């Protein structure tokens, strides 16, 4: 049955991307998911998953699969203790990876849809540890495993979210999931385009890092870390793969190369970047989500108490909240004002010994944030707290992980100083220039990447390191999240800019140089 919209984000339009084995391939421009629509019938897929589905079913393939499996087990062993952990591998083939896991001390179990493969796996393991069937069969009890591994599985499924939700049930609290799947952002996909070898009948879905993060968040996972996947391969296996899934020019070249290479070299192992991604994620129990509101305060005595009184009255629908104030040793009485809120149960007050910049203060707030969602709030009154609900809604509905509050509302002139028109024009031009630069460098379409209102799931920060201390941190934070695979959703917000006479702290002849430096540096930093 055809999909009525994007299966992941429900966007109604589904642009046509071409054909895969005669089936229509569609792409969602919002979450960057691609999928076959309608998917192939069960009979067509069953014919594929025959005894000969696995390439090179011999001792060479087994050693190659074991070597790749050792990499996966090493990744899991860095997050869970093997000697006290139970591991489930879904789609375990002939059991090579499970054998490696057992060598490392894991208690193992497997699930394989193919009776032929599951029988071979049990023979390899010497015990009936591998079940035949699917997760729908309820072969395993909830909260049974510390780790679940599913390599090259999720793209084959008719309902990936239902599958991951069931995996979430099987994991114990803080259990780890390792997924491996082809990626639309991989070098092979970008190189080959519509001739990508992963476009084949049995792959019903094609994920980007952005769509995979959204899928995992909707399935209850957090602390998501995505890296390009590497596999141990042989030239013989690669030649077989390109023979089964032909690619013009490339397949004939690989075939000729295989003929010219002796068997001893053709079966040698090479660690190569594959056309996919490896994803690690944790099951984090959440009862009622909490929002951490980080307020950086320095020399804002005129506006700080007004903001705080309004912020403490503000209720967040469906969420708890904590307010983290980072006061940077102001000279105008702001510190004394901040101390008045120290005893409030919703407030955490951090006192810095000296001012190091807004970016440094926000980074300090990150260290103490315990909420599931982080929202950045300046200590002035340029932004409207009534916009919180609209900013949080996409994250609470699991429609997004990263939200920007855009100040444009159809007009690029977001700063309008009645007595300083030339200055406002210069600032607006600079805003347009740097927005265009970031969009060009990082292939985005943002309208306001430098807005104060940056809202995101706290686990988006997992694995990131920041260095910027001043207003260049606004650039660094957005770029780091974009590079990690998060595509921001922009929500219109109210904005009333203050002038330099009212306390704006940007230095016109210094800060733009730091912005340009970090924009270019991160583009060319690995």
Foldseek 3Di string as FASTA:
>chain_A
DFDCAPLQQRHRDWDWDDDAVRFTWTADPPQGKIFTTPADDPVVLVVCPDPPNDPPPDPLVLVQVLVQLLVVLVVQCVQDPQQPWEEEEEQCFLQSSVVSSVVSRHNYAYEHQDPVRQVNNCVVVVHNRYYHDAVVVVPDQFQQGLEYEYEAPLQQDPRSLVRLLSVLRNHHAFRKYKYKHFACPFPQCVVQPVLRLPRHNRGRMHYHLSSVVLSNVVSQWFLKAKDQDKGKDFLVRVLRSCVVRPGPPVNVVSVVVVVVDDPVRRSDIDIGRDRIMIMMITRHDDDFFEEEEEEEDAPPVPQQVVVVVVVVVDDAPRYHYAYEYEYAPYDNCVVVVVVVCCPPPRYDYHYHPHAQAPLVSVVVSLVVDDGQKYWYDYSHPFFDPVCVHVQCVCVVVSSFFKAAADAAPPHLQSADDPVCRVVSVVVSVLQVVLVVLLCVLLVADDSGLLGRTIMGGSSLCNPDDDDDGYSLSSVVVSSSSVVSPGHYDYHYTHGHDDDVVSPDDDDPVPVVVSNVVSSVVVSPDD
